[in-house]
Amino acid sequence: MTTKIRFPRGVLKVKQRHELRRREHKGEVPVWQFGKYFVTWWPSTIPD
């Protein structure tokens, strides 16, 4: 289950590995791993 936290300049998302999108796998957006969870930052300048 993805958790989203909206900020004025983007969205912080917390996901598990099977929920990651292609851009997150490729490293086009910042991704940090904490145990089995991944934290991704989607700036508002990058379309979903």
PDB file of N, CA and C in Angstrom:
ATOM      1  N   MET A   1       0.840  -1.172   0.000  1.00  0.00           N
ATOM      2  CA  MET A   1       0.000   0.000   0.000  1.00  0.00           C
ATOM      3  C   MET A   1       0.889   1.240   0.000  1.00  0.00           C
ATOM      4  N   THR A   2       0.665   2.124  -0.908  1.00  0.00           N
ATOM      5  CA  THR A   2       1.447   3.348  -1.036  1.00  0.00           C
ATOM      6  C   THR A   2       0.883   4.431  -0.120  1.00  0.00           C
ATOM      7  N   THR A   3       1.784   5.089   0.591  1.00  0.00           N
ATOM      8  CA  THR A   3       1.411   6.232   1.418  1.00  0.00           C
ATOM      9  C   THR A   3       1.951   7.478   0.747  1.00  0.00           C
ATOM     10  N   LYS A   4       1.100   8.480   0.542  1.00  0.00           N
ATOM     11  CA  LYS A   4       1.496   9.723  -0.113  1.00  0.00           C
ATOM     12  C   LYS A   4       1.354  10.883   0.858  1.00  0.00           C
ATOM     13  N   ILE A   5       2.382  11.743   0.867  1.00  0.00           N
ATOM     14  CA  ILE A   5       2.342  12.968   1.651  1.00  0.00           C
ATOM     15  C   ILE A   5       2.595  14.110   0.683  1.00  0.00           C
ATOM     16  N   ARG A   6       1.605  14.967   0.503  1.00  0.00           N
ATOM     17  CA  ARG A   6       1.708  16.062  -0.461  1.00  0.00           C
ATOM     18  C   ARG A   6       2.371  17.280   0.176  1.00  0.00           C
ATOM     19  N   PHE A   7       3.295  17.869  -0.583  1.00  0.00           N
ATOM     20  CA  PHE A   7       3.975  19.105  -0.212  1.00  0.00           C
ATOM     21  C   PHE A   7       3.808  20.090  -1.362  1.00  0.00           C
ATOM     22  N   PRO A   8       4.034  21.382  -1.119  1.00  0.00           N
ATOM     23  CA  PRO A   8       3.857  22.366  -2.194  1.00  0.00           C
ATOM     24  C   PRO A   8       4.721  22.089  -3.436  1.00  0.00           C
ATOM     25  N   ARG A   9       5.898  21.516  -3.276  1.00  0.00           N
ATOM     26  CA  ARG A   9       6.796  21.300  -4.416  1.00  0.00           C
ATOM     27  C   ARG A   9       6.851  19.864  -4.901  1.00  0.00           C
ATOM     28  N   GLY A  10       5.995  18.989  -4.366  1.00  0.00           N
ATOM     29  CA  GLY A  10       5.997  17.614  -4.828  1.00  0.00           C
ATOM     30  C   GLY A  10       5.283  16.675  -3.872  1.00  0.00           C
ATOM     31  N   VAL A  11       5.513  15.370  -4.086  1.00  0.00           N
ATOM     32  CA  VAL A  11       4.856  14.341  -3.282  1.00  0.00           C
ATOM     33  C   VAL A  11       5.901  13.359  -2.781  1.00  0.00           C
ATOM     34  N   LEU A  12       5.874  13.056  -1.491  1.00  0.00           N
ATOM     35  CA  LEU A  12       6.724  12.047  -0.883  1.00  0.00           C
ATOM     36  C   LEU A  12       5.897  10.771  -0.794  1.00  0.00           C
ATOM     37  N   LYS A  13       6.431   9.672  -1.346  1.00  0.00           N
ATOM     38  CA  LYS A  13       5.690   8.417  -1.345  1.00  0.00           C
ATOM     39  C   LYS A  13       6.491   7.332  -0.644  1.00  0.00           C
ATOM     40  N   VAL A  14       5.814   6.480   0.114  1.00  0.00           N
ATOM     41  CA  VAL A  14       6.434   5.340   0.783  1.00  0.00           C
ATOM     42  C   VAL A  14       5.802   4.090   0.200  1.00  0.00           C
ATOM     43  N   LYS A  15       6.654   3.198  -0.360  1.00  0.00           N
ATOM     44  CA  LYS A  15       6.156   2.011  -1.056  1.00  0.00           C
ATOM     45  C   LYS A  15       7.020   0.804  -0.739  1.00  0.00           C
ATOM     46  N   GLN A  16       6.524  -0.376  -1.112  1.00  0.00           N
ATOM     47  CA  GLN A  16       7.335  -1.580  -1.098  1.00  0.00           C
ATOM     48  C   GLN A  16       7.865  -1.811  -2.502  1.00  0.00           C
ATOM     49  N   ARG A  17       8.858  -2.691  -2.648  1.00  0.00           N
ATOM     50  CA  ARG A  17       9.538  -2.887  -3.930  1.00  0.00           C
ATOM     51  C   ARG A  17       8.578  -3.217  -5.072  1.00  0.00           C
ATOM     52  N   HIS A  18       7.604  -4.069  -4.858  1.00  0.00           N
ATOM     53  CA  HIS A  18       6.697  -4.476  -5.941  1.00  0.00           C
ATOM     54  C   HIS A  18       5.782  -3.338  -6.406  1.00  0.00           C
ATOM     55  N   GLU A  19       5.726  -2.239  -5.650  1.00  0.00           N
ATOM     56  CA  GLU A  19       4.880  -1.104  -6.018  1.00  0.00           C
ATOM     57  C   GLU A  19       5.625  -0.020  -6.783  1.00  0.00           C
ATOM     58  N   LEU A  20       6.953  -0.147  -6.917  1.00  0.00           N
ATOM     59  CA  LEU A  20       7.736   0.892  -7.584  1.00  0.00           C
ATOM     60  C   LEU A  20       7.405   0.962  -9.068  1.00  0.00           C
ATOM     61  N   ARG A  21       7.432   2.180  -9.600  1.00  0.00           N
ATOM     62  CA  ARG A  21       7.158   2.416 -11.018  1.00  0.00           C
ATOM     63  C   ARG A  21       8.464   2.416 -11.809  1.00  0.00           C
ATOM     64  N   ARG A  22       8.348   2.405 -13.125  1.00  0.00           N
ATOM     65  CA  ARG A  22       9.524   2.333 -13.998  1.00  0.00           C
ATOM     66  C   ARG A  22      10.512   3.468 -13.719  1.00  0.00           C
ATOM     67  N   ARG A  23      10.018   4.688 -13.594  1.00  0.00           N
ATOM     68  CA  ARG A  23      10.905   5.836 -13.330  1.00  0.00           C
ATOM     69  C   ARG A  23      11.628   5.695 -12.004  1.00  0.00           C
ATOM     70  N   GLU A  24      10.979   5.085 -11.026  1.00  0.00           N
ATOM     71  CA  GLU A  24      11.604   4.882  -9.721  1.00  0.00           C
ATOM     72  C   GLU A  24      12.687   3.810  -9.814  1.00  0.00           C
ATOM     73  N   HIS A  25      12.440   2.738 -10.572  1.00  0.00           N
ATOM     74  CA  HIS A  25      13.444   1.694 -10.781  1.00  0.00           C
ATOM     75  C   HIS A  25      14.653   2.234 -11.531  1.00  0.00           C
ATOM     76  N   LYS A  26      14.422   3.076 -12.519  1.00  0.00           N
ATOM     77  CA  LYS A  26      15.503   3.622 -13.338  1.00  0.00           C
ATOM     78  C   LYS A  26      16.299   4.714 -12.629  1.00  0.00           C
ATOM     79  N   GLY A  27      15.770   5.251 -11.541  1.00  0.00           N
ATOM     80  CA  GLY A  27      16.457   6.303 -10.815  1.00  0.00           C
ATOM     81  C   GLY A  27      16.203   7.693 -11.356  1.00  0.00           C
ATOM     82  N   GLU A  28      15.121   7.872 -12.115  1.00  0.00           N
ATOM     83  CA  GLU A  28      14.787   9.198 -12.660  1.00  0.00           C
ATOM     84  C   GLU A  28      14.236  10.133 -11.580  1.00  0.00           C
ATOM     85  N   VAL A  29      13.769   9.556 -10.489  1.00  0.00           N
ATOM     86  CA  VAL A  29      13.350  10.347  -9.334  1.00  0.00           C
ATOM     87  C   VAL A  29      14.139   9.826  -8.129  1.00  0.00           C
ATOM     88  N   PRO A  30      14.390  10.668  -7.122  1.00  0.00           N
ATOM     89  CA  PRO A  30      15.150  10.216  -5.955  1.00  0.00           C
ATOM     90  C   PRO A  30      14.425   9.094  -5.205  1.00  0.00           C
ATOM     91  N   VAL A  31      15.176   8.037  -4.855  1.00  0.00           N
ATOM     92  CA  VAL A  31      14.625   6.888  -4.132  1.00  0.00           C
ATOM     93  C   VAL A  31      15.589   6.514  -3.009  1.00  0.00           C
ATOM     94  N   TRP A  32      15.057   6.317  -1.808  1.00  0.00           N
ATOM     95  CA  TRP A  32      15.857   5.868  -0.673  1.00  0.00           C
ATOM     96  C   TRP A  32      15.213   4.612  -0.114  1.00  0.00           C
ATOM     97  N   GLN A  33      16.038   3.642   0.284  1.00  0.00           N
ATOM     98  CA  GLN A  33      15.520   2.392   0.830  1.00  0.00           C
ATOM     99  C   GLN A  33      15.753   2.356   2.333  1.00  0.00           C
ATOM    100  N   PHE A  34      14.691   2.017   3.079  1.00  0.00           N
ATOM    101  CA  PHE A  34      14.745   1.849   4.519  1.00  0.00           C
ATOM    102  C   PHE A  34      14.139   0.492   4.834  1.00  0.00           C
ATOM    103  N   GLY A  35      14.996  -0.520   4.974  1.00  0.00           N
ATOM    104  CA  GLY A  35      14.509  -1.875   5.197  1.00  0.00           C
ATOM    105  C   GLY A  35      13.751  -2.360   3.975  1.00  0.00           C
ATOM    106  N   LYS A  36      12.509  -2.788   4.153  1.00  0.00           N
ATOM    107  CA  LYS A  36      11.727  -3.271   3.011  1.00  0.00           C
ATOM    108  C   LYS A  36      10.900  -2.176   2.354  1.00  0.00           C
ATOM    109  N   TYR A  37      11.032  -0.934   2.824  1.00  0.00           N
ATOM    110  CA  TYR A  37      10.269   0.174   2.267  1.00  0.00           C
ATOM    111  C   TYR A  37      11.159   1.111   1.461  1.00  0.00           C
ATOM    112  N   PHE A  38      10.568   1.723   0.446  1.00  0.00           N
ATOM    113  CA  PHE A  38      11.249   2.681  -0.404  1.00  0.00           C
ATOM    114  C   PHE A  38      10.538   4.014  -0.282  1.00  0.00           C
ATOM    115  N   VAL A  39      11.311   5.077  -0.102  1.00  0.00           N
ATOM    116  CA  VAL A  39      10.773   6.429  -0.030  1.00  0.00           C
ATOM    117  C   VAL A  39      11.163   7.118  -1.330  1.00  0.00           C
ATOM    118  N   THR A  40      10.175   7.637  -2.057  1.00  0.00           N
ATOM    119  CA  THR A  40      10.440   8.306  -3.325  1.00  0.00           C
ATOM    120  C   THR A  40       9.943   9.740  -3.257  1.00  0.00           C
ATOM    121  N   TRP A  41      10.633  10.613  -3.983  1.00  0.00           N
ATOM    122  CA  TRP A  41      10.241  12.017  -4.055  1.00  0.00           C
ATOM    123  C   TRP A  41       9.886  12.344  -5.488  1.00  0.00           C
ATOM    124  N   TRP A  42       8.644  12.740  -5.715  1.00  0.00           N
ATOM    125  CA  TRP A  42       8.172  13.154  -7.044  1.00  0.00           C
ATOM    126  C   TRP A  42       7.978  14.661  -7.038  1.00  0.00           C
ATOM    127  N   PRO A  43       8.952  15.416  -7.570  1.00  0.00           N
ATOM    128  CA  PRO A  43       8.762  16.865  -7.656  1.00  0.00           C
ATOM    129  C   PRO A  43       7.562  17.206  -8.518  1.00  0.00           C
ATOM    130  N   SER A  44       6.932  18.333  -8.256  1.00  0.00           N
ATOM    131  CA  SER A  44       5.757  18.721  -9.027  1.00  0.00           C
ATOM    132  C   SER A  44       6.115  19.053 -10.472  1.00  0.00           C
ATOM    133  N   THR A  45       7.402  19.224 -10.788  1.00  0.00           N
ATOM    134  CA  THR A  45       7.830  19.511 -12.167  1.00  0.00           C
ATOM    135  C   THR A  45       7.854  18.264 -13.034  1.00  0.00           C
ATOM    136  N   ILE A  46       7.807  17.063 -12.424  1.00  0.00           N
ATOM    137  CA  ILE A  46       7.786  15.802 -13.171  1.00  0.00           C
ATOM    138  C   ILE A  46       6.353  15.273 -13.165  1.00  0.00           C
ATOM    139  N   PRO A  47       5.761  15.029 -14.338  1.00  0.00           N
ATOM    140  CA  PRO A  47       4.389  14.486 -14.353  1.00  0.00           C
ATOM    141  C   PRO A  47       4.352  13.045 -13.849  1.00  0.00           C
ATOM    142  N   ASP A  48       3.257  12.659 -13.195  1.00  0.00           N
ATOM    143  CA  ASP A  48       3.073  11.267 -12.741  1.00  0.00           C
ATOM    144  C   ASP A  48       2.974  10.423 -13.955  1.00  0.00           C
TER     145      ASP A  48
END
